[in-house]
């Protein structure tokens, strides 16, 4: 259980006593619980949305849900997205990209990336109504954390040291498979065939994000993991919006 609490401490701002999370060993093992933290986070957001949609139209309710997801994670992944965009869009050599990503200041590309992702999340979620809405919110959170597990398991760490280095001590197909199985299992349980479409979209985005990071800096960093999480979170919402639009057109 200490590894689960360590994952909660690292990925969210949910109050957990420091002693419950253990030490470095538990933090290393906490990667296995990242998808479960996504499930917990998604369930909290879905519960909030259920209350909001009884009072508000879909658009403002969706904006509050996206804001709540940022608050519950302490803006951790959004910050990684901004730093990654600043570095990757600079068209500089690998070492210079890593320096830019390490800079705490946010440049114009970082701002553009964050605004774009937030706007897409709000608009896509507002388009998802009916029985797919709550499952899509949960799948969004699960997909992002499962993607992090898969990418960490398969790609090398691009920095000699850094915040995410503690999670990169071992690479294994087993860990990557766990992220994959949890993603598709949760998506199928939550939404059936529509969930499988969401899982496929999330998996494809994970592979593309990991491949792009590998091509730019030779692996991953904590920032690119955060960026991957943010981008992959869009996929279940996109898949649900497409499914709803197709059902309306037929």
Protein backbone atom coordinates (compact mmCIF):
# COMPACT_ATOMS: atom_id res chain seq x y z
CA UNK A 1 0.00 0.00 0.00
CA UNK A 2 2.91 2.37 0.58
CA UNK A 3 3.71 2.34 -3.13
CA UNK A 4 0.12 3.35 -3.93
CA UNK A 5 0.33 6.23 -1.45
CA UNK A 6 3.70 7.21 -2.93
CA UNK A 7 2.08 7.37 -6.37
CA UNK A 8 -0.76 9.51 -4.97
CA UNK A 9 1.77 11.84 -3.35
CA UNK A 10 3.77 12.20 -6.56
CA UNK A 11 0.95 12.55 -9.09
CA UNK A 12 -1.69 14.48 -7.15
CA UNK A 13 -2.21 16.99 -4.36
CA UNK A 14 -4.59 14.63 -2.57
CA UNK A 15 -3.61 14.85 1.13
CA UNK A 16 -1.63 11.78 2.11
CA UNK A 17 0.51 11.68 5.29
CA UNK A 18 4.18 11.73 4.32
CA UNK A 19 4.94 8.59 6.32
CA UNK A 20 2.41 6.57 4.31
CA UNK A 21 4.43 6.93 1.12
CA UNK A 22 7.59 5.29 2.41
CA UNK A 23 10.97 6.09 0.85
CA UNK A 24 12.82 5.80 -2.44
CA UNK A 25 12.12 2.09 -2.80
CA UNK A 26 8.37 2.61 -2.56
CA UNK A 27 8.58 5.55 -4.96
CA UNK A 28 10.35 3.35 -7.52
CA UNK A 29 7.64 0.71 -7.19
CA UNK A 30 4.86 3.30 -7.34
CA UNK A 31 5.01 3.32 -11.17
CA UNK A 32 2.88 0.17 -11.13
CA UNK A 33 0.14 2.18 -9.42
CA UNK A 34 0.13 5.16 -11.80
CA UNK A 35 -2.85 3.81 -13.81
CA UNK A 36 -4.75 3.15 -10.58
CA UNK A 37 -4.11 6.73 -9.48
CA UNK A 38 -5.54 7.76 -12.85
CA UNK A 39 -8.64 5.70 -12.07
CA UNK A 40 -9.01 7.35 -8.67
CA UNK A 41 -8.50 10.80 -10.13
CA UNK A 42 -10.97 10.09 -12.94
CA UNK A 43 -13.57 8.84 -10.48
CA UNK A 44 -13.27 12.03 -8.42
CA UNK A 45 -13.64 14.17 -11.54
CA UNK A 46 -16.62 12.11 -12.75
CA UNK A 47 -18.29 12.51 -9.36
CA UNK A 48 -17.76 16.27 -9.53
CA UNK A 49 -19.11 16.36 -13.08
CA UNK A 50 -22.25 14.48 -12.08
CA UNK A 51 -23.06 17.26 -9.66
CA UNK A 52 -22.05 20.07 -12.02
CA UNK A 53 -24.16 18.88 -14.94
CA UNK A 54 -27.31 19.06 -12.81
CA UNK A 55 -26.66 22.80 -12.40
CA UNK A 56 -24.74 23.92 -15.50
CA UNK A 57 -24.74 23.42 -19.28
CA UNK A 58 -22.03 21.12 -20.73
CA UNK A 59 -19.55 23.88 -21.68
CA UNK A 60 -19.06 25.58 -18.29
CA UNK A 61 -19.24 22.21 -16.53
CA UNK A 62 -16.49 20.92 -18.83
CA UNK A 63 -14.33 23.97 -18.17
CA UNK A 64 -14.60 23.39 -14.42
CA UNK A 65 -13.72 19.70 -14.81
CA UNK A 66 -10.58 20.53 -16.81
CA UNK A 67 -9.61 23.17 -14.25
CA UNK A 68 -10.24 20.70 -11.43
CA UNK A 69 -7.97 18.13 -13.11
CA UNK A 70 -5.17 20.72 -13.21
CA UNK A 71 -5.73 21.66 -9.56
CA UNK A 72 -5.80 18.03 -8.37
CA UNK A 73 -2.46 17.34 -10.08
CA UNK A 74 -0.89 20.62 -8.97
CA UNK A 75 -0.41 21.64 -12.60
CA UNK A 76 2.43 19.11 -12.68
CA UNK A 77 1.79 17.71 -16.16
CA UNK A 78 0.80 21.08 -17.63
CA UNK A 79 4.18 22.46 -16.57
CA UNK A 80 5.88 19.53 -18.32
CA UNK A 81 3.88 20.21 -21.47
CA UNK A 82 4.96 23.87 -21.48
CA UNK A 83 8.65 23.03 -20.97
CA UNK A 84 8.55 20.31 -23.62
CA UNK A 85 6.93 22.59 -26.18
CA UNK A 86 9.51 25.32 -25.53
CA UNK A 87 12.36 22.86 -26.00
CA UNK A 88 11.08 20.77 -28.88
CA UNK A 89 9.83 23.73 -30.90
CA UNK A 90 13.12 25.60 -30.58
CA UNK A 91 14.74 23.65 -33.46
CA UNK A 92 17.98 23.44 -31.45
CA UNK A 93 20.41 20.53 -30.90
CA UNK A 94 19.64 17.94 -28.23
CA UNK A 95 21.74 19.46 -25.45
CA UNK A 96 20.31 22.91 -26.02
CA UNK A 97 16.76 21.49 -26.02
CA UNK A 98 17.41 19.91 -22.62
CA UNK A 99 18.74 23.23 -21.30
CA UNK A 100 15.65 25.09 -22.52
CA UNK A 101 13.37 22.48 -20.93
CA UNK A 102 15.19 22.86 -17.62
CA UNK A 103 14.64 26.64 -17.62
CA UNK A 104 11.77 27.50 -15.27
CA UNK A 105 10.62 30.34 -17.52
CA UNK A 106 7.82 29.59 -19.99
CA UNK A 107 8.21 30.80 -23.56
CA UNK A 108 5.59 31.52 -26.22
CA UNK A 109 5.50 27.96 -27.55
CA UNK A 110 4.91 26.62 -24.06
CA UNK A 111 2.03 29.03 -23.51
CA UNK A 112 0.57 28.15 -26.93
CA UNK A 113 0.78 24.42 -26.19
CA UNK A 114 -0.91 24.70 -22.80
CA UNK A 115 -3.68 26.96 -24.10
CA UNK A 116 -4.26 24.67 -27.09
CA UNK A 117 -4.53 21.51 -24.98
CA UNK A 118 -6.83 23.13 -22.42
CA UNK A 119 -9.11 24.56 -25.13
CA UNK A 120 -9.24 21.18 -26.88
CA UNK A 121 -10.06 19.37 -23.64
CA UNK A 122 -12.87 21.77 -22.78
CA UNK A 123 -14.41 21.77 -26.26
CA UNK A 124 -14.14 18.01 -26.72
CA UNK A 125 -15.55 17.24 -23.28
CA UNK A 126 -18.41 19.68 -23.81
CA UNK A 127 -19.29 17.73 -26.98
CA UNK A 128 -19.49 14.47 -25.03
CA UNK A 129 -22.94 14.19 -23.51
CA UNK A 130 -25.18 11.32 -22.51
CA UNK A 131 -23.97 7.93 -21.24
CA UNK A 132 -20.42 8.33 -22.60
CA UNK A 133 -19.61 11.48 -20.64
CA UNK A 134 -18.72 10.07 -17.23
CA UNK A 135 -16.79 7.06 -18.64
CA UNK A 136 -14.84 9.44 -20.92
CA UNK A 137 -13.75 11.56 -17.95
CA UNK A 138 -12.44 8.48 -16.16
CA UNK A 139 -10.80 7.10 -19.33
CA UNK A 140 -9.09 10.46 -19.87
CA UNK A 141 -7.32 10.25 -16.51
CA UNK A 142 -6.49 6.53 -16.85
CA UNK A 143 -5.11 6.96 -20.38
CA UNK A 144 -2.67 9.69 -19.37
CA UNK A 145 -1.16 7.74 -16.49
CA UNK A 146 -1.07 4.44 -18.39
CA UNK A 147 0.79 6.23 -21.18
CA UNK A 148 3.40 7.41 -18.69
CA UNK A 149 3.98 3.83 -17.53
CA UNK A 150 4.39 2.53 -21.08
CA UNK A 151 6.78 5.27 -22.14
CA UNK A 152 8.90 4.95 -18.99
CA UNK A 153 9.14 1.20 -19.46
CA UNK A 154 10.34 1.35 -23.05
CA UNK A 155 12.49 4.47 -23.47
CA UNK A 156 15.78 5.51 -21.84
CA UNK A 157 16.06 8.53 -19.58
CA UNK A 158 17.51 11.48 -21.49
CA UNK A 159 19.13 13.24 -18.53
CA UNK A 160 21.97 12.00 -16.30
CA UNK A 161 19.79 12.97 -13.35
CA UNK A 162 16.41 14.54 -12.82
CA UNK A 163 13.08 14.34 -11.06
CA UNK A 164 11.87 11.28 -12.97
CA UNK A 165 15.16 9.37 -12.76
CA UNK A 166 13.96 7.44 -9.69
CA UNK A 167 11.27 5.79 -11.85
CA UNK A 168 13.67 4.84 -14.64
CA UNK A 169 15.79 2.30 -12.78
CA UNK A 170 14.50 -0.62 -14.82
CA UNK A 171 12.93 -1.12 -18.22
CA UNK A 172 10.70 -4.08 -18.88
CA UNK A 173 8.13 -5.33 -21.32
CA UNK A 174 6.16 -6.51 -18.28
CA UNK A 175 5.73 -2.95 -17.00
CA UNK A 176 4.80 -1.68 -20.45
CA UNK A 177 2.34 -4.56 -20.81
CA UNK A 178 0.77 -3.65 -17.46
CA UNK A 179 0.11 -0.10 -18.68
CA UNK A 180 -1.38 -1.47 -21.90
CA UNK A 181 -3.59 -4.05 -20.17
CA UNK A 182 -4.83 -1.61 -17.55
CA UNK A 183 -5.66 0.97 -20.22
CA UNK A 184 -7.69 -1.40 -22.39
CA UNK A 185 -9.24 -3.25 -19.48
CA UNK A 186 -10.48 -0.02 -17.90
CA UNK A 187 -11.70 1.37 -21.22
CA UNK A 188 -13.62 -1.83 -22.04
CA UNK A 189 -15.16 -1.99 -18.56
CA UNK A 190 -16.20 1.66 -18.64
CA UNK A 191 -17.50 2.00 -22.20
CA UNK A 192 -17.47 -1.34 -24.03
CA UNK A 193 -16.68 -1.11 -27.78
CA UNK A 194 -16.51 2.69 -27.60
CA UNK A 195 -13.92 2.25 -24.85
CA UNK A 196 -11.77 0.07 -27.08
CA UNK A 197 -11.76 2.86 -29.68
CA UNK A 198 -10.68 5.27 -26.95
CA UNK A 199 -7.94 2.86 -25.84
CA UNK A 200 -6.64 2.46 -29.38
CA UNK A 201 -6.51 6.24 -29.86
CA UNK A 202 -4.69 6.66 -26.54
CA UNK A 203 -2.22 3.88 -27.35
CA UNK A 204 -1.47 5.34 -30.80
CA UNK A 205 -0.86 8.77 -29.27
CA UNK A 206 1.43 7.19 -26.66
CA UNK A 207 3.56 5.53 -29.33
CA UNK A 208 3.76 8.70 -31.42
CA UNK A 209 4.63 10.88 -28.42
CA UNK A 210 7.32 8.44 -27.29
CA UNK A 211 8.80 8.15 -30.78
CA UNK A 212 8.90 11.93 -31.19
CA UNK A 213 10.60 12.38 -27.83
CA UNK A 214 13.14 9.69 -28.74
CA UNK A 215 13.90 11.44 -32.04
CA UNK A 216 14.36 14.84 -30.39
CA UNK A 217 16.33 14.06 -27.21
CA UNK A 218 17.06 10.34 -27.35
CA UNK A 219 14.56 9.33 -24.68
CA UNK A 220 12.26 10.86 -22.10
CA UNK A 221 12.43 13.29 -19.19
CA UNK A 222 9.98 14.22 -16.48
CA UNK A 223 8.79 17.08 -18.69
CA UNK A 224 8.10 14.86 -21.70
CA UNK A 225 6.25 12.39 -19.48
CA UNK A 226 3.99 15.22 -18.34
CA UNK A 227 3.50 16.34 -21.92
CA UNK A 228 2.66 12.78 -22.98
CA UNK A 229 0.08 12.53 -20.22
CA UNK A 230 -1.59 15.79 -21.28
CA UNK A 231 -1.69 14.90 -24.97
CA UNK A 232 -2.89 11.32 -24.46
CA UNK A 233 -5.68 12.54 -22.17
CA UNK A 234 -7.23 14.18 -25.23
CA UNK A 235 -7.67 10.87 -27.05
CA UNK A 236 -10.59 9.31 -25.11
CA UNK A 237 -12.48 12.60 -25.38
CA UNK A 238 -11.78 12.76 -29.11
CA UNK A 239 -12.86 9.15 -29.61
CA UNK A 240 -16.09 9.72 -27.64
CA UNK A 241 -16.88 12.90 -29.58
CA UNK A 242 -16.37 11.05 -32.88
CA UNK A 243 -18.56 8.15 -31.72
CA UNK A 244 -21.36 10.53 -30.73
CA UNK A 245 -21.14 12.46 -33.98
CA UNK A 246 -21.27 9.27 -36.05
CA UNK A 247 -24.29 8.00 -34.11
CA UNK A 248 -26.09 11.29 -34.70
CA UNK A 249 -25.30 11.21 -38.42
CA UNK A 250 -26.51 7.63 -38.93
